[in-house]
């Protein structure tokens, strides 16, 4: 409808202005959570993309988590970026994937030895 298209246009303007919360609100009002997820992914805001997917598109959560893992594997993101999927899986009760993700952390991803020690202990919990 016209209202949905208007919200979509306002959302695009808000995302371009880096007003992410406002853009998300417009897209949710337009009933387009998948577009908000796309905007978040495209702008590197994976935690928000995962959060929205979990809340509004749970049937696509596995796909977005896989995309995020691929993104991490090809980017030079720091250790904190690597923890996002592990924390998400842990919060969702997918403990085997969370443990796997925690154990993937090595000195290749971060030289923060305290962080490495923390995530390895987390995997053992």
PDB file of N, CA and C in Angstrom:
ATOM      1  N   UNK A   1       0.838  -1.192   0.000  1.00  0.00           N
ATOM      2  CA  UNK A   1       0.000   0.000   0.000  1.00  0.00           C
ATOM      3  C   UNK A   1       0.870   1.238   0.000  1.00  0.00           C
ATOM      4  N   UNK A   2       0.238   2.393  -0.194  1.00  0.00           N
ATOM      5  CA  UNK A   2       0.957   3.656  -0.242  1.00  0.00           C
ATOM      6  C   UNK A   2       1.655   3.979   1.067  1.00  0.00           C
ATOM      7  N   UNK A   3       1.006   3.635   2.173  1.00  0.00           N
ATOM      8  CA  UNK A   3       1.605   3.911   3.488  1.00  0.00           C
ATOM      9  C   UNK A   3       2.877   3.083   3.660  1.00  0.00           C
ATOM     10  N   UNK A   4       2.822   1.816   3.264  1.00  0.00           N
ATOM     11  CA  UNK A   4       4.002   0.963   3.374  1.00  0.00           C
ATOM     12  C   UNK A   4       5.148   1.485   2.523  1.00  0.00           C
ATOM     13  N   UNK A   5       4.839   1.960   1.314  1.00  0.00           N
ATOM     14  CA  UNK A   5       5.875   2.508   0.438  1.00  0.00           C
ATOM     15  C   UNK A   5       6.474   3.769   1.055  1.00  0.00           C
ATOM     16  N   UNK A   6       5.620   4.564   1.688  1.00  0.00           N
ATOM     17  CA  UNK A   6       6.108   5.784   2.340  1.00  0.00           C
ATOM     18  C   UNK A   6       7.057   5.429   3.489  1.00  0.00           C
ATOM     19  N   UNK A   7       6.668   4.453   4.303  1.00  0.00           N
ATOM     20  CA  UNK A   7       7.552   4.007   5.388  1.00  0.00           C
ATOM     21  C   UNK A   7       8.867   3.481   4.830  1.00  0.00           C
ATOM     22  N   UNK A   8       8.796   2.748   3.719  1.00  0.00           N
ATOM     23  CA  UNK A   8      10.005   2.212   3.106  1.00  0.00           C
ATOM     24  C   UNK A   8      10.946   3.322   2.661  1.00  0.00           C
ATOM     25  N   UNK A   9      10.392   4.373   2.055  1.00  0.00           N
ATOM     26  CA  UNK A   9      11.207   5.512   1.634  1.00  0.00           C
ATOM     27  C   UNK A   9      11.826   6.229   2.819  1.00  0.00           C
ATOM     28  N   UNK A  10      11.044   6.419   3.874  1.00  0.00           N
ATOM     29  CA  UNK A  10      11.555   7.066   5.080  1.00  0.00           C
ATOM     30  C   UNK A  10      12.648   6.210   5.725  1.00  0.00           C
ATOM     31  N   UNK A  11      12.468   4.898   5.668  1.00  0.00           N
ATOM     32  CA  UNK A  11      13.462   3.989   6.243  1.00  0.00           C
ATOM     33  C   UNK A  11      14.777   4.093   5.492  1.00  0.00           C
ATOM     34  N   UNK A  12      14.714   4.148   4.170  1.00  0.00           N
ATOM     35  CA  UNK A  12      15.944   4.251   3.358  1.00  0.00           C
ATOM     36  C   UNK A  12      16.699   5.534   3.710  1.00  0.00           C
ATOM     37  N   UNK A  13      15.968   6.643   3.815  1.00  0.00           N
ATOM     38  CA  UNK A  13      16.587   7.916   4.173  1.00  0.00           C
ATOM     39  C   UNK A  13      17.227   7.813   5.563  1.00  0.00           C
ATOM     40  N   UNK A  14      16.503   7.216   6.498  1.00  0.00           N
ATOM     41  CA  UNK A  14      17.024   7.074   7.867  1.00  0.00           C
ATOM     42  C   UNK A  14      18.274   6.192   7.896  1.00  0.00           C
ATOM     43  N   UNK A  15      18.266   5.090   7.160  1.00  0.00           N
ATOM     44  CA  UNK A  15      19.456   4.219   7.127  1.00  0.00           C
ATOM     45  C   UNK A  15      20.644   4.959   6.530  1.00  0.00           C
ATOM     46  N   UNK A  16      20.413   5.706   5.451  1.00  0.00           N
ATOM     47  CA  UNK A  16      21.508   6.450   4.832  1.00  0.00           C
ATOM     48  C   UNK A  16      22.069   7.506   5.771  1.00  0.00           C
ATOM     49  N   UNK A  17      21.209   8.027   6.670  1.00  0.00           N
ATOM     50  CA  UNK A  17      21.648   9.012   7.662  1.00  0.00           C
ATOM     51  C   UNK A  17      22.196   8.316   8.917  1.00  0.00           C
ATOM     52  N   UNK A  18      22.299   6.994   8.862  1.00  0.00           N
ATOM     53  CA  UNK A  18      22.785   6.176   9.974  1.00  0.00           C
ATOM     54  C   UNK A  18      21.900   6.301  11.215  1.00  0.00           C
ATOM     55  N   UNK A  19      20.621   6.552  10.992  1.00  0.00           N
ATOM     56  CA  UNK A  19      19.635   6.575  12.069  1.00  0.00           C
ATOM     57  C   UNK A  19      18.934   5.217  12.063  1.00  0.00           C
ATOM     58  N   UNK A  20      19.669   4.217  12.536  1.00  0.00           N
ATOM     59  CA  UNK A  20      19.241   2.829  12.382  1.00  0.00           C
ATOM     60  C   UNK A  20      17.960   2.495  13.142  1.00  0.00           C
ATOM     61  N   UNK A  21      17.834   2.974  14.371  1.00  0.00           N
ATOM     62  CA  UNK A  21      16.633   2.656  15.161  1.00  0.00           C
ATOM     63  C   UNK A  21      15.387   3.228  14.489  1.00  0.00           C
ATOM     64  N   UNK A  22      15.507   4.432  13.973  1.00  0.00           N
ATOM     65  CA  UNK A  22      14.376   5.079  13.293  1.00  0.00           C
ATOM     66  C   UNK A  22      14.024   4.284  12.029  1.00  0.00           C
ATOM     67  N   UNK A  23      15.033   3.904  11.259  1.00  0.00           N
ATOM     68  CA  UNK A  23      14.794   3.141  10.035  1.00  0.00           C
ATOM     69  C   UNK A  23      14.127   1.804  10.352  1.00  0.00           C
ATOM     70  N   UNK A  24      14.611   1.157  11.400  1.00  0.00           N
ATOM     71  CA  UNK A  24      14.021  -0.129  11.797  1.00  0.00           C
ATOM     72  C   UNK A  24      12.543   0.050  12.129  1.00  0.00           C
ATOM     73  N   UNK A  25      12.224   1.088  12.864  1.00  0.00           N
ATOM     74  CA  UNK A  25      10.829   1.358  13.228  1.00  0.00           C
ATOM     75  C   UNK A  25       9.962   1.529  11.988  1.00  0.00           C
ATOM     76  N   UNK A  26      10.447   2.314  11.020  1.00  0.00           N
ATOM     77  CA  UNK A  26       9.681   2.517   9.787  1.00  0.00           C
ATOM     78  C   UNK A  26       9.443   1.192   9.063  1.00  0.00           C
ATOM     79  N   UNK A  27      10.475   0.367   8.984  1.00  0.00           N
ATOM     80  CA  UNK A  27      10.329  -0.896   8.249  1.00  0.00           C
ATOM     81  C   UNK A  27       9.429  -1.882   8.981  1.00  0.00           C
ATOM     82  N   UNK A  28       9.457  -1.862  10.282  1.00  0.00           N
ATOM     83  CA  UNK A  28       8.551  -2.741  11.028  1.00  0.00           C
ATOM     84  C   UNK A  28       7.108  -2.272  10.865  1.00  0.00           C
ATOM     85  N   UNK A  29       6.904  -0.968  10.840  1.00  0.00           N
ATOM     86  CA  UNK A  29       5.549  -0.438  10.591  1.00  0.00           C
ATOM     87  C   UNK A  29       5.071  -0.814   9.198  1.00  0.00           C
ATOM     88  N   UNK A  30       5.996  -0.875   8.258  1.00  0.00           N
ATOM     89  CA  UNK A  30       5.662  -1.251   6.876  1.00  0.00           C
ATOM     90  C   UNK A  30       5.577  -2.766   6.720  1.00  0.00           C
ATOM     91  N   UNK A  31       5.775  -3.488   7.840  1.00  0.00           N
ATOM     92  CA  UNK A  31       5.742  -4.955   7.834  1.00  0.00           C
ATOM     93  C   UNK A  31       6.802  -5.526   6.888  1.00  0.00           C
ATOM     94  N   UNK A  32       8.014  -4.947   6.951  1.00  0.00           N
ATOM     95  CA  UNK A  32       9.126  -5.375   6.108  1.00  0.00           C
ATOM     96  C   UNK A  32      10.370  -5.678   6.943  1.00  0.00           C
ATOM     97  N   UNK A  33      10.262  -6.566   7.923  1.00  0.00           N
ATOM     98  CA  UNK A  33      11.441  -6.846   8.754  1.00  0.00           C
ATOM     99  C   UNK A  33      12.609  -7.402   7.937  1.00  0.00           C
ATOM    100  N   UNK A  34      12.308  -8.117   6.842  1.00  0.00           N
ATOM    101  CA  UNK A  34      13.393  -8.682   6.030  1.00  0.00           C
ATOM    102  C   UNK A  34      14.241  -7.580   5.395  1.00  0.00           C
ATOM    103  N   UNK A  35      13.613  -6.445   5.083  1.00  0.00           N
ATOM    104  CA  UNK A  35      14.349  -5.321   4.518  1.00  0.00           C
ATOM    105  C   UNK A  35      15.241  -4.669   5.586  1.00  0.00           C
ATOM    106  N   UNK A  36      14.739  -4.593   6.814  1.00  0.00           N
ATOM    107  CA  UNK A  36      15.550  -4.063   7.911  1.00  0.00           C
ATOM    108  C   UNK A  36      16.765  -4.962   8.146  1.00  0.00           C
ATOM    109  N   UNK A  37      16.558  -6.267   8.094  1.00  0.00           N
ATOM    110  CA  UNK A  37      17.673  -7.211   8.257  1.00  0.00           C
ATOM    111  C   UNK A  37      18.702  -6.986   7.151  1.00  0.00           C
ATOM    112  N   UNK A  38      18.237  -6.814   5.923  1.00  0.00           N
ATOM    113  CA  UNK A  38      19.147  -6.571   4.792  1.00  0.00           C
ATOM    114  C   UNK A  38      19.940  -5.288   5.005  1.00  0.00           C
ATOM    115  N   UNK A  39      19.260  -4.204   5.401  1.00  0.00           N
ATOM    116  CA  UNK A  39      19.958  -2.946   5.653  1.00  0.00           C
ATOM    117  C   UNK A  39      21.021  -3.130   6.735  1.00  0.00           C
ATOM    118  N   UNK A  40      20.658  -3.806   7.810  1.00  0.00           N
ATOM    119  CA  UNK A  40      21.623  -4.039   8.890  1.00  0.00           C
ATOM    120  C   UNK A  40      22.813  -4.856   8.403  1.00  0.00           C
ATOM    121  N   UNK A  41      22.560  -5.920   7.658  1.00  0.00           N
ATOM    122  CA  UNK A  41      23.662  -6.740   7.133  1.00  0.00           C
ATOM    123  C   UNK A  41      24.562  -5.903   6.232  1.00  0.00           C
ATOM    124  N   UNK A  42      23.944  -5.154   5.316  1.00  0.00           N
ATOM    125  CA  UNK A  42      24.713  -4.358   4.365  1.00  0.00           C
ATOM    126  C   UNK A  42      25.568  -3.297   5.047  1.00  0.00           C
ATOM    127  N   UNK A  43      25.125  -2.835   6.216  1.00  0.00           N
ATOM    128  CA  UNK A  43      25.885  -1.799   6.926  1.00  0.00           C
ATOM    129  C   UNK A  43      26.798  -2.396   7.998  1.00  0.00           C
ATOM    130  N   UNK A  44      26.866  -3.743   8.062  1.00  0.00           N
ATOM    131  CA  UNK A  44      27.776  -4.393   9.004  1.00  0.00           C
ATOM    132  C   UNK A  44      27.255  -4.479  10.425  1.00  0.00           C
ATOM    133  N   UNK A  45      25.977  -4.211  10.629  1.00  0.00           N
ATOM    134  CA  UNK A  45      25.374  -4.288  11.961  1.00  0.00           C
ATOM    135  C   UNK A  45      24.730  -5.669  12.146  1.00  0.00           C
ATOM    136  N   UNK A  46      25.595  -6.685  12.247  1.00  0.00           N
ATOM    137  CA  UNK A  46      25.121  -8.067  12.283  1.00  0.00           C
ATOM    138  C   UNK A  46      24.341  -8.408  13.546  1.00  0.00           C
ATOM    139  N   UNK A  47      24.723  -7.821  14.694  1.00  0.00           N
ATOM    140  CA  UNK A  47      23.978  -8.118  15.922  1.00  0.00           C
ATOM    141  C   UNK A  47      22.529  -7.702  15.774  1.00  0.00           C
ATOM    142  N   UNK A  48      22.305  -6.529  15.175  1.00  0.00           N
ATOM    143  CA  UNK A  48      20.932  -6.067  14.961  1.00  0.00           C
ATOM    144  C   UNK A  48      20.214  -6.949  13.937  1.00  0.00           C
ATOM    145  N   UNK A  49      20.926  -7.355  12.904  1.00  0.00           N
ATOM    146  CA  UNK A  49      20.322  -8.242  11.903  1.00  0.00           C
ATOM    147  C   UNK A  49      19.898  -9.564  12.548  1.00  0.00           C
ATOM    148  N   UNK A  50      20.756 -10.110  13.395  1.00  0.00           N
ATOM    149  CA  UNK A  50      20.434 -11.366  14.082  1.00  0.00           C
ATOM    150  C   UNK A  50      19.273 -11.180  15.060  1.00  0.00           C
ATOM    151  N   UNK A  51      19.284 -10.056  15.777  1.00  0.00           N
ATOM    152  CA  UNK A  51      18.217  -9.776  16.747  1.00  0.00           C
ATOM    153  C   UNK A  51      16.865  -9.694  16.045  1.00  0.00           C
ATOM    154  N   UNK A  52      16.806  -8.929  14.954  1.00  0.00           N
ATOM    155  CA  UNK A  52      15.548  -8.783  14.221  1.00  0.00           C
ATOM    156  C   UNK A  52      15.091 -10.100  13.615  1.00  0.00           C
ATOM    157  N   UNK A  53      16.040 -10.844  13.071  1.00  0.00           N
ATOM    158  CA  UNK A  53      15.692 -12.132  12.467  1.00  0.00           C
ATOM    159  C   UNK A  53      15.116 -13.058  13.522  1.00  0.00           C
ATOM    160  N   UNK A  54      15.756 -13.100  14.674  1.00  0.00           N
ATOM    161  CA  UNK A  54      15.286 -13.970  15.757  1.00  0.00           C
ATOM    162  C   UNK A  54      13.872 -13.583  16.179  1.00  0.00           C
ATOM    163  N   UNK A  55      13.604 -12.282  16.243  1.00  0.00           N
ATOM    164  CA  UNK A  55      12.314 -11.808  16.729  1.00  0.00           C
ATOM    165  C   UNK A  55      11.206 -11.876  15.682  1.00  0.00           C
ATOM    166  N   UNK A  56      11.513 -11.498  14.437  1.00  0.00           N
ATOM    167  CA  UNK A  56      10.469 -11.360  13.419  1.00  0.00           C
ATOM    168  C   UNK A  56      10.501 -12.402  12.308  1.00  0.00           C
ATOM    169  N   UNK A  57      11.659 -13.023  12.095  1.00  0.00           N
ATOM    170  CA  UNK A  57      11.802 -14.000  11.009  1.00  0.00           C
ATOM    171  C   UNK A  57      12.519 -15.256  11.515  1.00  0.00           C
ATOM    172  N   UNK A  58      12.014 -15.873  12.582  1.00  0.00           N
ATOM    173  CA  UNK A  58      12.752 -16.996  13.180  1.00  0.00           C
ATOM    174  C   UNK A  58      13.035 -18.141  12.211  1.00  0.00           C
ATOM    175  N   UNK A  59      12.202 -18.290  11.196  1.00  0.00           N
ATOM    176  CA  UNK A  59      12.416 -19.340  10.203  1.00  0.00           C
ATOM    177  C   UNK A  59      13.656 -19.069   9.341  1.00  0.00           C
ATOM    178  N   UNK A  60      14.192 -17.838   9.392  1.00  0.00           N
ATOM    179  CA  UNK A  60      15.385 -17.498   8.612  1.00  0.00           C
ATOM    180  C   UNK A  60      16.634 -17.346   9.478  1.00  0.00           C
ATOM    181  N   UNK A  61      16.507 -17.626  10.779  1.00  0.00           N
ATOM    182  CA  UNK A  61      17.617 -17.393  11.687  1.00  0.00           C
ATOM    183  C   UNK A  61      18.851 -18.208  11.305  1.00  0.00           C
ATOM    184  N   UNK A  62      18.663 -19.470  10.987  1.00  0.00           N
ATOM    185  CA  UNK A  62      19.798 -20.320  10.610  1.00  0.00           C
ATOM    186  C   UNK A  62      20.527 -19.743   9.394  1.00  0.00           C
ATOM    187  N   UNK A  63      19.773 -19.299   8.404  1.00  0.00           N
ATOM    188  CA  UNK A  63      20.360 -18.730   7.188  1.00  0.00           C
ATOM    189  C   UNK A  63      21.178 -17.483   7.511  1.00  0.00           C
ATOM    190  N   UNK A  64      20.647 -16.585   8.337  1.00  0.00           N
ATOM    191  CA  UNK A  64      21.348 -15.345   8.672  1.00  0.00           C
ATOM    192  C   UNK A  64      22.588 -15.659   9.518  1.00  0.00           C
ATOM    193  N   UNK A  65      22.482 -16.622  10.422  1.00  0.00           N
ATOM    194  CA  UNK A  65      23.650 -17.016  11.215  1.00  0.00           C
ATOM    195  C   UNK A  65      24.739 -17.585  10.311  1.00  0.00           C
ATOM    196  N   UNK A  66      24.349 -18.387   9.329  1.00  0.00           N
ATOM    197  CA  UNK A  66      25.323 -18.945   8.384  1.00  0.00           C
ATOM    198  C   UNK A  66      25.976 -17.829   7.563  1.00  0.00           C
ATOM    199  N   UNK A  67      25.172 -16.861   7.124  1.00  0.00           N
ATOM    200  CA  UNK A  67      25.715 -15.726   6.371  1.00  0.00           C
ATOM    201  C   UNK A  67      26.704 -14.949   7.240  1.00  0.00           C
ATOM    202  N   UNK A  68      26.370 -14.801   8.511  1.00  0.00           N
ATOM    203  CA  UNK A  68      27.247 -14.061   9.418  1.00  0.00           C
ATOM    204  C   UNK A  68      28.558 -14.808   9.619  1.00  0.00           C
ATOM    205  N   UNK A  69      28.485 -16.120   9.771  1.00  0.00           N
ATOM    206  CA  UNK A  69      29.712 -16.914   9.899  1.00  0.00           C
ATOM    207  C   UNK A  69      30.581 -16.769   8.657  1.00  0.00           C
ATOM    208  N   UNK A  70      29.962 -16.797   7.482  1.00  0.00           N
ATOM    209  CA  UNK A  70      30.715 -16.615   6.237  1.00  0.00           C
ATOM    210  C   UNK A  70      31.359 -15.240   6.191  1.00  0.00           C
ATOM    211  N   UNK A  71      30.605 -14.230   6.602  1.00  0.00           N
ATOM    212  CA  UNK A  71      31.128 -12.863   6.652  1.00  0.00           C
ATOM    213  C   UNK A  71      32.353 -12.805   7.565  1.00  0.00           C
ATOM    214  N   UNK A  72      32.245 -13.426   8.740  1.00  0.00           N
ATOM    215  CA  UNK A  72      33.363 -13.402   9.683  1.00  0.00           C
ATOM    216  C   UNK A  72      34.580 -14.137   9.126  1.00  0.00           C
ATOM    217  N   UNK A  73      34.326 -15.219   8.427  1.00  0.00           N
ATOM    218  CA  UNK A  73      35.429 -16.009   7.875  1.00  0.00           C
ATOM    219  C   UNK A  73      36.193 -15.237   6.799  1.00  0.00           C
ATOM    220  N   UNK A  74      35.505 -14.324   6.116  1.00  0.00           N
ATOM    221  CA  UNK A  74      36.153 -13.593   5.027  1.00  0.00           C
ATOM    222  C   UNK A  74      36.581 -12.191   5.429  1.00  0.00           C
ATOM    223  N   UNK A  75      36.173 -11.755   6.618  1.00  0.00           N
ATOM    224  CA  UNK A  75      36.562 -10.411   7.062  1.00  0.00           C
ATOM    225  C   UNK A  75      37.699 -10.532   8.057  1.00  0.00           C
ATOM    226  N   UNK A  76      38.266  -9.403   8.383  1.00  0.00           N
ATOM    227  CA  UNK A  76      39.345  -9.411   9.371  1.00  0.00           C
ATOM    228  C   UNK A  76      38.836  -8.832  10.677  1.00  0.00           C
ATOM    229  N   UNK A  77      37.574  -9.113  10.968  1.00  0.00           N
ATOM    230  CA  UNK A  77      36.952  -8.595  12.184  1.00  0.00           C
ATOM    231  C   UNK A  77      37.683  -9.061  13.422  1.00  0.00           C
ATOM    232  N   UNK A  78      37.538  -8.320  14.485  1.00  0.00           N
ATOM    233  CA  UNK A  78      38.212  -8.651  15.734  1.00  0.00           C
ATOM    234  C   UNK A  78      37.508  -9.758  16.478  1.00  0.00           C
ATOM    235  N   UNK A  79      38.043 -10.084  17.630  1.00  0.00           N
ATOM    236  CA  UNK A  79      37.505 -11.168  18.438  1.00  0.00           C
ATOM    237  C   UNK A  79      36.077 -10.934  18.874  1.00  0.00           C
ATOM    238  N   UNK A  80      35.729  -9.691  19.198  1.00  0.00           N
ATOM    239  CA  UNK A  80      34.372  -9.420  19.644  1.00  0.00           C
ATOM    240  C   UNK A  80      33.359  -9.761  18.563  1.00  0.00           C
ATOM    241  N   UNK A  81      33.693  -9.488  17.284  1.00  0.00           N
ATOM    242  CA  UNK A  81      32.802  -9.845  16.191  1.00  0.00           C
ATOM    243  C   UNK A  81      32.588 -11.349  16.131  1.00  0.00           C
ATOM    244  N   UNK A  82      33.632 -12.084  16.413  1.00  0.00           N
ATOM    245  CA  UNK A  82      33.559 -13.537  16.370  1.00  0.00           C
ATOM    246  C   UNK A  82      32.624 -14.085  17.446  1.00  0.00           C
ATOM    247  N   UNK A  83      32.447 -13.363  18.528  1.00  0.00           N
ATOM    248  CA  UNK A  83      31.634 -13.846  19.637  1.00  0.00           C
ATOM    249  C   UNK A  83      30.139 -13.706  19.395  1.00  0.00           C
ATOM    250  N   UNK A  84      29.742 -12.816  18.508  1.00  0.00           N
ATOM    251  CA  UNK A  84      28.314 -12.552  18.318  1.00  0.00           C
ATOM    252  C   UNK A  84      27.518 -13.807  17.984  1.00  0.00           C
ATOM    253  N   UNK A  85      27.932 -14.605  16.983  1.00  0.00           N
ATOM    254  CA  UNK A  85      27.115 -15.792  16.707  1.00  0.00           C
ATOM    255  C   UNK A  85      27.127 -16.777  17.873  1.00  0.00           C
ATOM    256  N   UNK A  86      28.259 -16.919  18.535  1.00  0.00           N
ATOM    257  CA  UNK A  86      28.330 -17.847  19.664  1.00  0.00           C
ATOM    258  C   UNK A  86      27.358 -17.429  20.759  1.00  0.00           C
ATOM    259  N   UNK A  87      27.344 -16.141  21.069  1.00  0.00           N
ATOM    260  CA  UNK A  87      26.428 -15.642  22.102  1.00  0.00           C
ATOM    261  C   UNK A  87      24.976 -15.813  21.679  1.00  0.00           C
ATOM    262  N   UNK A  88      24.700 -15.595  20.397  1.00  0.00           N
ATOM    263  CA  UNK A  88      23.330 -15.749  19.898  1.00  0.00           C
ATOM    264  C   UNK A  88      22.882 -17.197  20.019  1.00  0.00           C
ATOM    265  N   UNK A  89      23.743 -18.119  19.588  1.00  0.00           N
ATOM    266  CA  UNK A  89      23.391 -19.539  19.689  1.00  0.00           C
ATOM    267  C   UNK A  89      23.211 -19.959  21.143  1.00  0.00           C
ATOM    268  N   UNK A  90      24.075 -19.474  22.001  1.00  0.00           N
ATOM    269  CA  UNK A  90      23.947 -19.810  23.422  1.00  0.00           C
ATOM    270  C   UNK A  90      22.608 -19.305  23.959  1.00  0.00           C
ATOM    271  N   UNK A  91      22.250 -18.064  23.626  1.00  0.00           N
ATOM    272  CA  UNK A  91      20.983 -17.485  24.089  1.00  0.00           C
ATOM    273  C   UNK A  91      19.782 -18.261  23.548  1.00  0.00           C
ATOM    274  N   UNK A  92      19.927 -18.834  22.351  1.00  0.00           N
ATOM    275  CA  UNK A  92      18.839 -19.595  21.725  1.00  0.00           C
ATOM    276  C   UNK A  92      18.814 -21.053  22.159  1.00  0.00           C
ATOM    277  N   UNK A  93      19.766 -21.439  23.008  1.00  0.00           N
ATOM    278  CA  UNK A  93      19.806 -22.822  23.472  1.00  0.00           C
ATOM    279  C   UNK A  93      20.480 -23.776  22.513  1.00  0.00           C
ATOM    280  N   UNK A  94      21.126 -23.252  21.473  1.00  0.00           N
ATOM    281  CA  UNK A  94      21.847 -24.093  20.511  1.00  0.00           C
ATOM    282  C   UNK A  94      23.292 -24.233  21.004  1.00  0.00           C
ATOM    283  N   UNK A  95      23.438 -24.988  22.084  1.00  0.00           N
ATOM    284  CA  UNK A  95      24.711 -25.041  22.800  1.00  0.00           C
ATOM    285  C   UNK A  95      25.833 -25.693  22.005  1.00  0.00           C
ATOM    286  N   UNK A  96      25.525 -26.691  21.199  1.00  0.00           N
ATOM    287  CA  UNK A  96      26.599 -27.342  20.439  1.00  0.00           C
ATOM    288  C   UNK A  96      27.226 -26.377  19.440  1.00  0.00           C
ATOM    289  N   UNK A  97      26.391 -25.574  18.762  1.00  0.00           N
ATOM    290  CA  UNK A  97      26.957 -24.580  17.823  1.00  0.00           C
ATOM    291  C   UNK A  97      27.693 -23.476  18.570  1.00  0.00           C
ATOM    292  N   UNK A  98      27.175 -23.091  19.745  1.00  0.00           N
ATOM    293  CA  UNK A  98      27.835 -22.057  20.542  1.00  0.00           C
ATOM    294  C   UNK A  98      29.222 -22.534  20.964  1.00  0.00           C
ATOM    295  N   UNK A  99      29.295 -23.757  21.456  1.00  0.00           N
ATOM    296  CA  UNK A  99      30.587 -24.323  21.888  1.00  0.00           C
ATOM    297  C   UNK A  99      31.552 -24.378  20.712  1.00  0.00           C
ATOM    298  N   UNK A 100      31.046 -24.844  19.576  1.00  0.00           N
ATOM    299  CA  UNK A 100      31.872 -24.920  18.369  1.00  0.00           C
ATOM    300  C   UNK A 100      32.438 -23.544  18.009  1.00  0.00           C
ATOM    301  N   UNK A 101      31.583 -22.521  18.079  1.00  0.00           N
ATOM    302  CA  UNK A 101      32.020 -21.158  17.743  1.00  0.00           C
ATOM    303  C   UNK A 101      33.042 -20.649  18.752  1.00  0.00           C
ATOM    304  N   UNK A 102      32.808 -20.909  20.046  1.00  0.00           N
ATOM    305  CA  UNK A 102      33.769 -20.476  21.060  1.00  0.00           C
ATOM    306  C   UNK A 102      35.124 -21.148  20.840  1.00  0.00           C
ATOM    307  N   UNK A 103      35.097 -22.410  20.481  1.00  0.00           N
ATOM    308  CA  UNK A 103      36.355 -23.145  20.304  1.00  0.00           C
ATOM    309  C   UNK A 103      37.083 -22.764  19.016  1.00  0.00           C
ATOM    310  N   UNK A 104      36.395 -22.120  18.081  1.00  0.00           N
ATOM    311  CA  UNK A 104      37.045 -21.659  16.848  1.00  0.00           C
ATOM    312  C   UNK A 104      37.942 -20.449  17.097  1.00  0.00           C
ATOM    313  N   UNK A 105      37.738 -19.791  18.212  1.00  0.00           N
ATOM    314  CA  UNK A 105      38.539 -18.608  18.532  1.00  0.00           C
ATOM    315  C   UNK A 105      39.986 -19.030  18.799  1.00  0.00           C
ATOM    316  N   UNK A 106      40.899 -18.417  18.063  1.00  0.00           N
ATOM    317  CA  UNK A 106      42.322 -18.703  18.241  1.00  0.00           C
ATOM    318  C   UNK A 106      43.096 -17.391  18.138  1.00  0.00           C
ATOM    319  N   UNK A 107      44.403 -17.474  18.264  1.00  0.00           N
ATOM    320  CA  UNK A 107      45.239 -16.274  18.120  1.00  0.00           C
ATOM    321  C   UNK A 107      45.178 -15.724  16.693  1.00  0.00           C
ATOM    322  N   UNK A 108      44.611 -16.475  15.760  1.00  0.00           N
ATOM    323  CA  UNK A 108      44.433 -15.969  14.397  1.00  0.00           C
ATOM    324  C   UNK A 108      43.343 -14.895  14.363  1.00  0.00           C
ATOM    325  N   UNK A 109      42.344 -14.976  15.267  1.00  0.00           N
ATOM    326  CA  UNK A 109      41.264 -13.996  15.297  1.00  0.00           C
ATOM    327  C   UNK A 109      41.571 -12.812  16.213  1.00  0.00           C
ATOM    328  N   UNK A 110      42.272 -13.089  17.312  1.00  0.00           N
ATOM    329  CA  UNK A 110      42.555 -12.025  18.268  1.00  0.00           C
ATOM    330  C   UNK A 110      43.829 -12.352  19.051  1.00  0.00           C
ATOM    331  N   UNK A 111      44.545 -11.321  19.432  1.00  0.00           N
ATOM    332  CA  UNK A 111      45.717 -11.520  20.288  1.00  0.00           C
ATOM    333  C   UNK A 111      45.380 -11.150  21.734  1.00  0.00           C
ATOM    334  N   UNK A 112      44.098 -10.975  22.002  1.00  0.00           N
ATOM    335  CA  UNK A 112      43.624 -10.700  23.356  1.00  0.00           C
ATOM    336  C   UNK A 112      43.521 -12.034  24.098  1.00  0.00           C
ATOM    337  N   UNK A 113      44.596 -12.364  24.796  1.00  0.00           N
ATOM    338  CA  UNK A 113      44.663 -13.674  25.440  1.00  0.00           C
ATOM    339  C   UNK A 113      43.634 -13.832  26.555  1.00  0.00           C
ATOM    340  N   UNK A 114      43.296 -12.738  27.230  1.00  0.00           N
ATOM    341  CA  UNK A 114      42.266 -12.812  28.264  1.00  0.00           C
ATOM    342  C   UNK A 114      40.923 -13.182  27.643  1.00  0.00           C
ATOM    343  N   UNK A 115      40.641 -12.605  26.468  1.00  0.00           N
ATOM    344  CA  UNK A 115      39.400 -12.929  25.760  1.00  0.00           C
ATOM    345  C   UNK A 115      39.395 -14.398  25.344  1.00  0.00           C
ATOM    346  N   UNK A 116      40.509 -14.861  24.809  1.00  0.00           N
ATOM    347  CA  UNK A 116      40.595 -16.269  24.401  1.00  0.00           C
ATOM    348  C   UNK A 116      40.362 -17.195  25.586  1.00  0.00           C
ATOM    349  N   UNK A 117      41.007 -16.882  26.706  1.00  0.00           N
ATOM    350  CA  UNK A 117      40.836 -17.706  27.899  1.00  0.00           C
ATOM    351  C   UNK A 117      39.368 -17.709  28.324  1.00  0.00           C
ATOM    352  N   UNK A 118      38.750 -16.552  28.267  1.00  0.00           N
ATOM    353  CA  UNK A 118      37.341 -16.415  28.670  1.00  0.00           C
ATOM    354  C   UNK A 118      36.420 -17.263  27.793  1.00  0.00           C
ATOM    355  N   UNK A 119      36.620 -17.198  26.465  1.00  0.00           N
ATOM    356  CA  UNK A 119      35.715 -17.952  25.579  1.00  0.00           C
ATOM    357  C   UNK A 119      35.977 -19.451  25.656  1.00  0.00           C
ATOM    358  N   UNK A 120      37.223 -19.836  25.861  1.00  0.00           N
ATOM    359  CA  UNK A 120      37.486 -21.277  25.992  1.00  0.00           C
ATOM    360  C   UNK A 120      36.865 -21.831  27.279  1.00  0.00           C
ATOM    361  N   UNK A 121      36.931 -21.068  28.356  1.00  0.00           N
ATOM    362  CA  UNK A 121      36.256 -21.494  29.584  1.00  0.00           C
ATOM    363  C   UNK A 121      34.755 -21.538  29.370  1.00  0.00           C
ATOM    364  N   UNK A 122      34.235 -20.564  28.616  1.00  0.00           N
ATOM    365  CA  UNK A 122      32.810 -20.509  28.318  1.00  0.00           C
ATOM    366  C   UNK A 122      32.381 -21.795  27.590  1.00  0.00           C
ATOM    367  N   UNK A 123      33.218 -22.271  26.696  1.00  0.00           N
ATOM    368  CA  UNK A 123      32.909 -23.491  25.936  1.00  0.00           C
ATOM    369  C   UNK A 123      32.853 -24.706  26.863  1.00  0.00           C
ATOM    370  N   UNK A 124      33.612 -24.658  27.937  1.00  0.00           N
ATOM    371  CA  UNK A 124      33.658 -25.794  28.858  1.00  0.00           C
ATOM    372  C   UNK A 124      32.499 -25.817  29.842  1.00  0.00           C
ATOM    373  N   UNK A 125      31.815 -24.677  30.002  1.00  0.00           N
ATOM    374  CA  UNK A 125      30.719 -24.596  30.987  1.00  0.00           C
ATOM    375  C   UNK A 125      29.606 -25.575  30.700  1.00  0.00           C
TER     376      UNK A 125
END
